[in-house]
């Protein structure tokens, strides 16, 4: 007997709703797919680092999804926060809610 698969599509900018109901997230910006991931993978693995320039330079650039240079720090979206935590000393690196990850894009 074949398994029944049910799919619902929700388009929303209210990420708190998506966190409650979605299993899979597709982020589209200006008509292009930026990323598509399991929601749990996004919230468990991805993270935002706040660090100085020397720490930014020490990161493996292949782990960086996006970054911002602020007045006194770098803010960096990384795909594997646990791996990055090991590669730089004393970063501000936290598990993020879906809203913070999507706003970074």
PDB file of N, CA and C in Angstrom:
ATOM      1  N   UNK A   1       0.838  -1.172   0.000  1.00  0.00           N
ATOM      2  CA  UNK A   1       0.000   0.000   0.000  1.00  0.00           C
ATOM      3  C   UNK A   1       0.891   1.247   0.000  1.00  0.00           C
ATOM      4  N   UNK A   2       0.604   2.167  -0.874  1.00  0.00           N
ATOM      5  CA  UNK A   2       1.396   3.384  -1.002  1.00  0.00           C
ATOM      6  C   UNK A   2       1.104   4.345   0.148  1.00  0.00           C
ATOM      7  N   UNK A   3       2.137   5.053   0.570  1.00  0.00           N
ATOM      8  CA  UNK A   3       1.981   6.048   1.631  1.00  0.00           C
ATOM      9  C   UNK A   3       1.261   7.275   1.081  1.00  0.00           C
ATOM     10  N   UNK A   4       0.468   7.891   1.906  1.00  0.00           N
ATOM     11  CA  UNK A   4      -0.229   9.110   1.526  1.00  0.00           C
ATOM     12  C   UNK A   4       0.640  10.296   1.917  1.00  0.00           C
ATOM     13  N   UNK A   5       0.913  11.142   0.944  1.00  0.00           N
ATOM     14  CA  UNK A   5       1.710  12.337   1.186  1.00  0.00           C
ATOM     15  C   UNK A   5       0.797  13.542   1.028  1.00  0.00           C
ATOM     16  N   UNK A   6       0.830  14.407   2.018  1.00  0.00           N
ATOM     17  CA  UNK A   6       0.013  15.626   1.963  1.00  0.00           C
ATOM     18  C   UNK A   6       0.927  16.830   1.948  1.00  0.00           C
ATOM     19  N   UNK A   7       0.622  17.729   1.050  1.00  0.00           N
ATOM     20  CA  UNK A   7       1.434  18.933   0.897  1.00  0.00           C
ATOM     21  C   UNK A   7       0.528  20.149   0.989  1.00  0.00           C
ATOM     22  N   UNK A   8       0.933  21.092   1.795  1.00  0.00           N
ATOM     23  CA  UNK A   8       0.265  22.390   1.866  1.00  0.00           C
ATOM     24  C   UNK A   8       1.309  23.454   1.605  1.00  0.00           C
ATOM     25  N   UNK A   9       0.938  24.467   0.887  1.00  0.00           N
ATOM     26  CA  UNK A   9       1.847  25.564   0.606  1.00  0.00           C
ATOM     27  C   UNK A   9       1.314  26.806   1.301  1.00  0.00           C
ATOM     28  N   UNK A  10       2.176  27.440   2.079  1.00  0.00           N
ATOM     29  CA  UNK A  10       1.809  28.683   2.756  1.00  0.00           C
ATOM     30  C   UNK A  10       2.852  29.731   2.413  1.00  0.00           C
ATOM     31  N   UNK A  11       2.402  30.859   1.996  1.00  0.00           N
ATOM     32  CA  UNK A  11       3.296  31.971   1.698  1.00  0.00           C
ATOM     33  C   UNK A  11       3.063  33.028   2.772  1.00  0.00           C
ATOM     34  N   UNK A  12       4.109  33.344   3.513  1.00  0.00           N
ATOM     35  CA  UNK A  12       3.922  34.286   4.607  1.00  0.00           C
ATOM     36  C   UNK A  12       5.212  34.997   4.945  1.00  0.00           C
ATOM     37  N   UNK A  13       5.070  36.219   5.374  1.00  0.00           N
ATOM     38  CA  UNK A  13       6.210  36.949   5.929  1.00  0.00           C
ATOM     39  C   UNK A  13       6.164  36.885   7.459  1.00  0.00           C
ATOM     40  N   UNK A  14       5.157  36.220   7.998  1.00  0.00           N
ATOM     41  CA  UNK A  14       5.022  36.061   9.449  1.00  0.00           C
ATOM     42  C   UNK A  14       5.716  34.752   9.823  1.00  0.00           C
ATOM     43  N   UNK A  15       6.992  34.853  10.127  1.00  0.00           N
ATOM     44  CA  UNK A  15       7.793  33.649  10.333  1.00  0.00           C
ATOM     45  C   UNK A  15       7.416  32.891  11.598  1.00  0.00           C
ATOM     46  N   UNK A  16       6.810  33.560  12.572  1.00  0.00           N
ATOM     47  CA  UNK A  16       6.386  32.837  13.777  1.00  0.00           C
ATOM     48  C   UNK A  16       5.294  31.820  13.426  1.00  0.00           C
ATOM     49  N   UNK A  17       4.443  32.135  12.461  1.00  0.00           N
ATOM     50  CA  UNK A  17       3.441  31.176  11.996  1.00  0.00           C
ATOM     51  C   UNK A  17       4.113  30.004  11.290  1.00  0.00           C
ATOM     52  N   UNK A  18       5.109  30.296  10.466  1.00  0.00           N
ATOM     53  CA  UNK A  18       5.823  29.241   9.747  1.00  0.00           C
ATOM     54  C   UNK A  18       6.545  28.307  10.718  1.00  0.00           C
ATOM     55  N   UNK A  19       7.109  28.866  11.792  1.00  0.00           N
ATOM     56  CA  UNK A  19       7.794  28.027  12.780  1.00  0.00           C
ATOM     57  C   UNK A  19       6.841  27.011  13.400  1.00  0.00           C
ATOM     58  N   UNK A  20       5.586  27.393  13.538  1.00  0.00           N
ATOM     59  CA  UNK A  20       4.606  26.504  14.168  1.00  0.00           C
ATOM     60  C   UNK A  20       4.100  25.419  13.231  1.00  0.00           C
ATOM     61  N   UNK A  21       3.978  25.718  11.923  1.00  0.00           N
ATOM     62  CA  UNK A  21       3.292  24.772  11.034  1.00  0.00           C
ATOM     63  C   UNK A  21       4.173  24.126   9.969  1.00  0.00           C
ATOM     64  N   UNK A  22       5.302  24.743   9.627  1.00  0.00           N
ATOM     65  CA  UNK A  22       6.087  24.271   8.484  1.00  0.00           C
ATOM     66  C   UNK A  22       7.077  23.188   8.870  1.00  0.00           C
ATOM     67  N   UNK A  23       7.290  22.274   7.941  1.00  0.00           N
ATOM     68  CA  UNK A  23       8.357  21.283   8.064  1.00  0.00           C
ATOM     69  C   UNK A  23       9.521  21.649   7.156  1.00  0.00           C
ATOM     70  N   UNK A  24       9.227  22.383   6.123  1.00  0.00           N
ATOM     71  CA  UNK A  24      10.198  22.694   5.086  1.00  0.00           C
ATOM     72  C   UNK A  24      10.063  24.167   4.725  1.00  0.00           C
ATOM     73  N   UNK A  25      11.174  24.887   4.567  1.00  0.00           N
ATOM     74  CA  UNK A  25      11.157  26.318   4.270  1.00  0.00           C
ATOM     75  C   UNK A  25      11.845  26.560   2.923  1.00  0.00           C
ATOM     76  N   UNK A  26      11.180  27.305   2.072  1.00  0.00           N
ATOM     77  CA  UNK A  26      11.775  27.771   0.820  1.00  0.00           C
ATOM     78  C   UNK A  26      11.756  29.294   0.888  1.00  0.00           C
ATOM     79  N   UNK A  27      12.940  29.907   0.786  1.00  0.00           N
ATOM     80  CA  UNK A  27      13.058  31.360   0.852  1.00  0.00           C
ATOM     81  C   UNK A  27      13.249  31.875  -0.562  1.00  0.00           C
ATOM     82  N   UNK A  28      12.307  32.713  -1.010  1.00  0.00           N
ATOM     83  CA  UNK A  28      12.344  33.277  -2.360  1.00  0.00           C
ATOM     84  C   UNK A  28      12.517  34.784  -2.242  1.00  0.00           C
ATOM     85  N   UNK A  29      13.490  35.310  -2.980  1.00  0.00           N
ATOM     86  CA  UNK A  29      13.731  36.751  -2.986  1.00  0.00           C
ATOM     87  C   UNK A  29      13.810  37.219  -4.436  1.00  0.00           C
ATOM     88  N   UNK A  30      12.972  38.186  -4.787  1.00  0.00           N
ATOM     89  CA  UNK A  30      12.916  38.732  -6.137  1.00  0.00           C
ATOM     90  C   UNK A  30      12.774  37.631  -7.186  1.00  0.00           C
ATOM     91  N   UNK A  31      11.913  36.649  -6.888  1.00  0.00           N
ATOM     92  CA  UNK A  31      11.599  35.587  -7.842  1.00  0.00           C
ATOM     93  C   UNK A  31      12.612  34.461  -7.928  1.00  0.00           C
ATOM     94  N   UNK A  32      13.665  34.514  -7.146  1.00  0.00           N
ATOM     95  CA  UNK A  32      14.694  33.461  -7.164  1.00  0.00           C
ATOM     96  C   UNK A  32      14.729  32.737  -5.830  1.00  0.00           C
ATOM     97  N   UNK A  33      14.899  31.420  -5.876  1.00  0.00           N
ATOM     98  CA  UNK A  33      15.014  30.621  -4.660  1.00  0.00           C
ATOM     99  C   UNK A  33      16.391  30.869  -4.063  1.00  0.00           C
ATOM    100  N   UNK A  34      16.411  31.416  -2.846  1.00  0.00           N
ATOM    101  CA  UNK A  34      17.663  31.684  -2.139  1.00  0.00           C
ATOM    102  C   UNK A  34      18.129  30.413  -1.434  1.00  0.00           C
ATOM    103  N   UNK A  35      17.205  29.734  -0.733  1.00  0.00           N
ATOM    104  CA  UNK A  35      17.509  28.439  -0.149  1.00  0.00           C
ATOM    105  C   UNK A  35      16.231  27.668   0.104  1.00  0.00           C
ATOM    106  N   UNK A  36      16.383  26.370   0.220  1.00  0.00           N
ATOM    107  CA  UNK A  36      15.287  25.478   0.589  1.00  0.00           C
ATOM    108  C   UNK A  36      15.842  24.430   1.535  1.00  0.00           C
ATOM    109  N   UNK A  37      15.293  24.398   2.743  1.00  0.00           N
ATOM    110  CA  UNK A  37      15.826  23.528   3.801  1.00  0.00           C
ATOM    111  C   UNK A  37      14.703  23.028   4.688  1.00  0.00           C
ATOM    112  N   UNK A  38      14.972  21.930   5.367  1.00  0.00           N
ATOM    113  CA  UNK A  38      14.084  21.497   6.437  1.00  0.00           C
ATOM    114  C   UNK A  38      14.135  22.545   7.541  1.00  0.00           C
ATOM    115  N   UNK A  39      12.988  22.901   8.081  1.00  0.00           N
ATOM    116  CA  UNK A  39      12.933  23.937   9.119  1.00  0.00           C
ATOM    117  C   UNK A  39      13.809  23.568  10.313  1.00  0.00           C
ATOM    118  N   UNK A  40      13.753  22.309  10.735  1.00  0.00           N
ATOM    119  CA  UNK A  40      14.549  21.892  11.890  1.00  0.00           C
ATOM    120  C   UNK A  40      16.045  22.021  11.616  1.00  0.00           C
ATOM    121  N   UNK A  41      16.466  21.753  10.389  1.00  0.00           N
ATOM    122  CA  UNK A  41      17.881  21.907  10.044  1.00  0.00           C
ATOM    123  C   UNK A  41      18.283  23.381  10.135  1.00  0.00           C
ATOM    124  N   UNK A  42      17.423  24.259   9.652  1.00  0.00           N
ATOM    125  CA  UNK A  42      17.712  25.693   9.724  1.00  0.00           C
ATOM    126  C   UNK A  42      17.884  26.159  11.162  1.00  0.00           C
ATOM    127  N   UNK A  43      16.938  25.791  12.023  1.00  0.00           N
ATOM    128  CA  UNK A  43      16.981  26.297  13.389  1.00  0.00           C
ATOM    129  C   UNK A  43      18.025  25.588  14.252  1.00  0.00           C
ATOM    130  N   UNK A  44      18.356  24.350  13.931  1.00  0.00           N
ATOM    131  CA  UNK A  44      19.350  23.599  14.714  1.00  0.00           C
ATOM    132  C   UNK A  44      20.784  23.889  14.276  1.00  0.00           C
ATOM    133  N   UNK A  45      21.025  23.938  12.974  1.00  0.00           N
ATOM    134  CA  UNK A  45      22.398  24.031  12.479  1.00  0.00           C
ATOM    135  C   UNK A  45      22.861  25.449  12.179  1.00  0.00           C
ATOM    136  N   UNK A  46      21.997  26.252  11.611  1.00  0.00           N
ATOM    137  CA  UNK A  46      22.386  27.596  11.210  1.00  0.00           C
ATOM    138  C   UNK A  46      22.518  28.495  12.441  1.00  0.00           C
ATOM    139  N   UNK A  47      23.303  29.534  12.317  1.00  0.00           N
ATOM    140  CA  UNK A  47      23.462  30.463  13.424  1.00  0.00           C
ATOM    141  C   UNK A  47      24.009  31.791  12.951  1.00  0.00           C
ATOM    142  N   UNK A  48      23.933  32.784  13.817  1.00  0.00           N
ATOM    143  CA  UNK A  48      24.477  34.105  13.519  1.00  0.00           C
ATOM    144  C   UNK A  48      25.609  34.383  14.504  1.00  0.00           C
ATOM    145  N   UNK A  49      26.768  34.666  13.962  1.00  0.00           N
ATOM    146  CA  UNK A  49      27.947  34.981  14.761  1.00  0.00           C
ATOM    147  C   UNK A  49      28.101  36.501  14.813  1.00  0.00           C
ATOM    148  N   UNK A  50      28.425  37.012  15.982  1.00  0.00           N
ATOM    149  CA  UNK A  50      28.809  38.412  16.132  1.00  0.00           C
ATOM    150  C   UNK A  50      30.252  38.395  16.619  1.00  0.00           C
ATOM    151  N   UNK A  51      31.152  38.967  15.825  1.00  0.00           N
ATOM    152  CA  UNK A  51      32.571  38.883  16.167  1.00  0.00           C
ATOM    153  C   UNK A  51      33.339  40.053  15.565  1.00  0.00           C
ATOM    154  N   UNK A  52      34.631  40.087  15.853  1.00  0.00           N
ATOM    155  CA  UNK A  52      35.515  41.108  15.311  1.00  0.00           C
ATOM    156  C   UNK A  52      36.105  40.688  13.972  1.00  0.00           C
ATOM    157  N   UNK A  53      36.882  41.587  13.384  1.00  0.00           N
ATOM    158  CA  UNK A  53      37.463  41.353  12.057  1.00  0.00           C
ATOM    159  C   UNK A  53      38.416  40.161  12.038  1.00  0.00           C
ATOM    160  N   UNK A  54      39.236  40.001  13.078  1.00  0.00           N
ATOM    161  CA  UNK A  54      40.191  38.882  13.113  1.00  0.00           C
ATOM    162  C   UNK A  54      39.460  37.542  13.146  1.00  0.00           C
ATOM    163  N   UNK A  55      38.386  37.471  13.907  1.00  0.00           N
ATOM    164  CA  UNK A  55      37.603  36.241  13.971  1.00  0.00           C
ATOM    165  C   UNK A  55      36.908  35.982  12.636  1.00  0.00           C
ATOM    166  N   UNK A  56      36.420  37.032  12.011  1.00  0.00           N
ATOM    167  CA  UNK A  56      35.797  36.889  10.691  1.00  0.00           C
ATOM    168  C   UNK A  56      36.794  36.306   9.700  1.00  0.00           C
ATOM    169  N   UNK A  57      38.015  36.824   9.714  1.00  0.00           N
ATOM    170  CA  UNK A  57      39.049  36.332   8.796  1.00  0.00           C
ATOM    171  C   UNK A  57      39.402  34.873   9.045  1.00  0.00           C
ATOM    172  N   UNK A  58      39.240  34.397  10.288  1.00  0.00           N
ATOM    173  CA  UNK A  58      39.593  33.021  10.644  1.00  0.00           C
ATOM    174  C   UNK A  58      38.544  31.996  10.208  1.00  0.00           C
ATOM    175  N   UNK A  59      37.353  32.451   9.871  1.00  0.00           N
ATOM    176  CA  UNK A  59      36.284  31.517   9.496  1.00  0.00           C
ATOM    177  C   UNK A  59      36.520  30.899   8.131  1.00  0.00           C
ATOM    178  N   UNK A  60      36.076  29.658   7.982  1.00  0.00           N
ATOM    179  CA  UNK A  60      36.057  28.990   6.683  1.00  0.00           C
ATOM    180  C   UNK A  60      34.957  29.656   5.867  1.00  0.00           C
ATOM    181  N   UNK A  61      35.330  30.321   4.795  1.00  0.00           N
ATOM    182  CA  UNK A  61      34.365  31.111   4.009  1.00  0.00           C
ATOM    183  C   UNK A  61      33.275  30.238   3.380  1.00  0.00           C
ATOM    184  N   UNK A  62      33.521  28.941   3.235  1.00  0.00           N
ATOM    185  CA  UNK A  62      32.482  28.073   2.658  1.00  0.00           C
ATOM    186  C   UNK A  62      31.315  27.869   3.626  1.00  0.00           C
ATOM    187  N   UNK A  63      31.512  28.176   4.917  1.00  0.00           N
ATOM    188  CA  UNK A  63      30.441  28.060   5.911  1.00  0.00           C
ATOM    189  C   UNK A  63      29.571  29.310   5.981  1.00  0.00           C
ATOM    190  N   UNK A  64      30.017  30.391   5.354  1.00  0.00           N
ATOM    191  CA  UNK A  64      29.309  31.673   5.446  1.00  0.00           C
ATOM    192  C   UNK A  64      28.216  31.744   4.383  1.00  0.00           C
ATOM    193  N   UNK A  65      26.994  32.002   4.843  1.00  0.00           N
ATOM    194  CA  UNK A  65      25.868  32.184   3.930  1.00  0.00           C
ATOM    195  C   UNK A  65      25.752  33.665   3.546  1.00  0.00           C
ATOM    196  N   UNK A  66      25.842  34.537   4.537  1.00  0.00           N
ATOM    197  CA  UNK A  66      25.752  35.985   4.328  1.00  0.00           C
ATOM    198  C   UNK A  66      26.473  36.665   5.480  1.00  0.00           C
ATOM    199  N   UNK A  67      26.882  37.914   5.278  1.00  0.00           N
ATOM    200  CA  UNK A  67      27.533  38.656   6.357  1.00  0.00           C
ATOM    201  C   UNK A  67      27.250  40.150   6.211  1.00  0.00           C
ATOM    202  N   UNK A  68      27.372  40.837   7.343  1.00  0.00           N
ATOM    203  CA  UNK A  68      27.188  42.290   7.403  1.00  0.00           C
ATOM    204  C   UNK A  68      28.325  42.894   8.217  1.00  0.00           C
ATOM    205  N   UNK A  69      28.896  43.965   7.721  1.00  0.00           N
ATOM    206  CA  UNK A  69      29.897  44.710   8.483  1.00  0.00           C
ATOM    207  C   UNK A  69      29.159  45.843   9.184  1.00  0.00           C
ATOM    208  N   UNK A  70      29.165  45.809  10.502  1.00  0.00           N
ATOM    209  CA  UNK A  70      28.532  46.851  11.301  1.00  0.00           C
ATOM    210  C   UNK A  70      29.630  47.809  11.777  1.00  0.00           C
ATOM    211  N   UNK A  71      29.257  48.830  12.536  1.00  0.00           N
ATOM    212  CA  UNK A  71      30.252  49.798  13.013  1.00  0.00           C
ATOM    213  C   UNK A  71      31.346  49.151  13.858  1.00  0.00           C
ATOM    214  N   UNK A  72      30.956  48.253  14.772  1.00  0.00           N
ATOM    215  CA  UNK A  72      31.921  47.697  15.730  1.00  0.00           C
ATOM    216  C   UNK A  72      32.015  46.177  15.719  1.00  0.00           C
ATOM    217  N   UNK A  73      31.360  45.532  14.765  1.00  0.00           N
ATOM    218  CA  UNK A  73      31.391  44.064  14.727  1.00  0.00           C
ATOM    219  C   UNK A  73      30.981  43.572  13.350  1.00  0.00           C
ATOM    220  N   UNK A  74      31.243  42.297  13.129  1.00  0.00           N
ATOM    221  CA  UNK A  74      30.721  41.584  11.973  1.00  0.00           C
ATOM    222  C   UNK A  74      29.548  40.740  12.449  1.00  0.00           C
ATOM    223  N   UNK A  75      28.512  40.636  11.636  1.00  0.00           N
ATOM    224  CA  UNK A  75      27.405  39.721  11.878  1.00  0.00           C
ATOM    225  C   UNK A  75      27.394  38.761  10.700  1.00  0.00           C
ATOM    226  N   UNK A  76      27.479  37.467  11.014  1.00  0.00           N
ATOM    227  CA  UNK A  76      27.697  36.468   9.976  1.00  0.00           C
ATOM    228  C   UNK A  76      26.692  35.330  10.129  1.00  0.00           C
ATOM    229  N   UNK A  77      25.972  35.025   9.053  1.00  0.00           N
ATOM    230  CA  UNK A  77      25.073  33.883   9.025  1.00  0.00           C
ATOM    231  C   UNK A  77      25.871  32.688   8.532  1.00  0.00           C
ATOM    232  N   UNK A  78      25.941  31.640   9.356  1.00  0.00           N
ATOM    233  CA  UNK A  78      26.719  30.447   9.009  1.00  0.00           C
ATOM    234  C   UNK A  78      25.812  29.218   8.940  1.00  0.00           C
ATOM    235  N   UNK A  79      26.228  28.257   8.130  1.00  0.00           N
ATOM    236  CA  UNK A  79      25.415  27.061   7.918  1.00  0.00           C
ATOM    237  C   UNK A  79      25.643  25.980   8.968  1.00  0.00           C
ATOM    238  N   UNK A  80      26.730  26.067   9.724  1.00  0.00           N
ATOM    239  CA  UNK A  80      27.013  25.063  10.755  1.00  0.00           C
ATOM    240  C   UNK A  80      27.615  25.768  11.972  1.00  0.00           C
ATOM    241  N   UNK A  81      26.740  26.196  12.884  1.00  0.00           N
ATOM    242  CA  UNK A  81      27.199  27.006  14.015  1.00  0.00           C
ATOM    243  C   UNK A  81      28.120  26.233  14.950  1.00  0.00           C
ATOM    244  N   UNK A  82      27.917  24.924  15.090  1.00  0.00           N
ATOM    245  CA  UNK A  82      28.774  24.140  15.987  1.00  0.00           C
ATOM    246  C   UNK A  82      30.193  24.034  15.433  1.00  0.00           C
ATOM    247  N   UNK A  83      30.321  23.840  14.135  1.00  0.00           N
ATOM    248  CA  UNK A  83      31.647  23.785  13.507  1.00  0.00           C
ATOM    249  C   UNK A  83      32.351  25.141  13.641  1.00  0.00           C
ATOM    250  N   UNK A  84      31.620  26.225  13.417  1.00  0.00           N
ATOM    251  CA  UNK A  84      32.209  27.560  13.495  1.00  0.00           C
ATOM    252  C   UNK A  84      32.582  27.925  14.925  1.00  0.00           C
ATOM    253  N   UNK A  85      31.836  27.438  15.874  1.00  0.00           N
ATOM    254  CA  UNK A  85      32.149  27.718  17.282  1.00  0.00           C
ATOM    255  C   UNK A  85      33.534  27.178  17.625  1.00  0.00           C
ATOM    256  N   UNK A  86      33.906  26.044  17.018  1.00  0.00           N
ATOM    257  CA  UNK A  86      35.213  25.447  17.296  1.00  0.00           C
ATOM    258  C   UNK A  86      36.348  26.201  16.612  1.00  0.00           C
ATOM    259  N   UNK A  87      36.043  26.881  15.504  1.00  0.00           N
ATOM    260  CA  UNK A  87      37.116  27.494  14.720  1.00  0.00           C
ATOM    261  C   UNK A  87      37.492  28.901  15.167  1.00  0.00           C
ATOM    262  N   UNK A  88      36.640  29.567  15.939  1.00  0.00           N
ATOM    263  CA  UNK A  88      37.006  30.900  16.421  1.00  0.00           C
ATOM    264  C   UNK A  88      36.811  30.983  17.926  1.00  0.00           C
ATOM    265  N   UNK A  89      37.567  31.855  18.538  1.00  0.00           N
ATOM    266  CA  UNK A  89      37.562  31.953  19.993  1.00  0.00           C
ATOM    267  C   UNK A  89      36.498  32.928  20.487  1.00  0.00           C
ATOM    268  N   UNK A  90      35.720  32.491  21.437  1.00  0.00           N
ATOM    269  CA  UNK A  90      34.699  33.278  22.121  1.00  0.00           C
ATOM    270  C   UNK A  90      33.771  34.080  21.200  1.00  0.00           C
ATOM    271  N   UNK A  91      33.139  33.433  20.244  1.00  0.00           N
ATOM    272  CA  UNK A  91      32.185  34.178  19.422  1.00  0.00           C
ATOM    273  C   UNK A  91      30.835  34.280  20.126  1.00  0.00           C
ATOM    274  N   UNK A  92      30.062  35.262  19.769  1.00  0.00           N
ATOM    275  CA  UNK A  92      28.652  35.300  20.156  1.00  0.00           C
ATOM    276  C   UNK A  92      27.932  34.517  19.082  1.00  0.00           C
ATOM    277  N   UNK A  93      27.566  33.285  19.402  1.00  0.00           N
ATOM    278  CA  UNK A  93      26.991  32.389  18.405  1.00  0.00           C
ATOM    279  C   UNK A  93      25.849  31.629  19.038  1.00  0.00           C
ATOM    280  N   UNK A  94      24.669  31.829  18.532  1.00  0.00           N
ATOM    281  CA  UNK A  94      23.492  31.260  19.162  1.00  0.00           C
ATOM    282  C   UNK A  94      22.605  30.555  18.140  1.00  0.00           C
ATOM    283  N   UNK A  95      21.835  29.620  18.647  1.00  0.00           N
ATOM    284  CA  UNK A  95      20.765  29.033  17.856  1.00  0.00           C
ATOM    285  C   UNK A  95      19.764  30.150  17.593  1.00  0.00           C
ATOM    286  N   UNK A  96      19.271  30.229  16.390  1.00  0.00           N
ATOM    287  CA  UNK A  96      18.414  31.345  16.012  1.00  0.00           C
ATOM    288  C   UNK A  96      17.003  30.889  15.683  1.00  0.00           C
ATOM    289  N   UNK A  97      16.082  31.771  15.916  1.00  0.00           N
ATOM    290  CA  UNK A  97      14.710  31.543  15.474  1.00  0.00           C
ATOM    291  C   UNK A  97      14.662  31.784  13.971  1.00  0.00           C
ATOM    292  N   UNK A  98      13.697  31.211  13.345  1.00  0.00           N
ATOM    293  CA  UNK A  98      13.537  31.321  11.901  1.00  0.00           C
ATOM    294  C   UNK A  98      13.490  32.782  11.454  1.00  0.00           C
ATOM    295  N   UNK A  99      12.828  33.630  12.211  1.00  0.00           N
ATOM    296  CA  UNK A  99      12.700  35.036  11.853  1.00  0.00           C
ATOM    297  C   UNK A  99      14.067  35.701  11.686  1.00  0.00           C
ATOM    298  N   UNK A 100      14.973  35.475  12.642  1.00  0.00           N
ATOM    299  CA  UNK A 100      16.295  36.106  12.573  1.00  0.00           C
ATOM    300  C   UNK A 100      17.087  35.595  11.385  1.00  0.00           C
ATOM    301  N   UNK A 101      16.965  34.290  11.071  1.00  0.00           N
ATOM    302  CA  UNK A 101      17.686  33.725   9.935  1.00  0.00           C
ATOM    303  C   UNK A 101      17.171  34.317   8.629  1.00  0.00           C
ATOM    304  N   UNK A 102      15.867  34.388   8.477  1.00  0.00           N
ATOM    305  CA  UNK A 102      15.288  34.905   7.236  1.00  0.00           C
ATOM    306  C   UNK A 102      15.530  36.404   7.074  1.00  0.00           C
ATOM    307  N   UNK A 103      15.515  37.143   8.155  1.00  0.00           N
ATOM    308  CA  UNK A 103      15.766  38.591   8.080  1.00  0.00           C
ATOM    309  C   UNK A 103      17.197  38.883   7.675  1.00  0.00           C
ATOM    310  N   UNK A 104      18.070  37.930   7.869  1.00  0.00           N
ATOM    311  CA  UNK A 104      19.469  38.131   7.538  1.00  0.00           C
ATOM    312  C   UNK A 104      19.702  38.079   6.036  1.00  0.00           C
ATOM    313  N   UNK A 105      18.806  37.460   5.322  1.00  0.00           N
ATOM    314  CA  UNK A 105      18.981  37.291   3.878  1.00  0.00           C
ATOM    315  C   UNK A 105      18.734  38.560   3.112  1.00  0.00           C
TER     316      UNK A 105
END
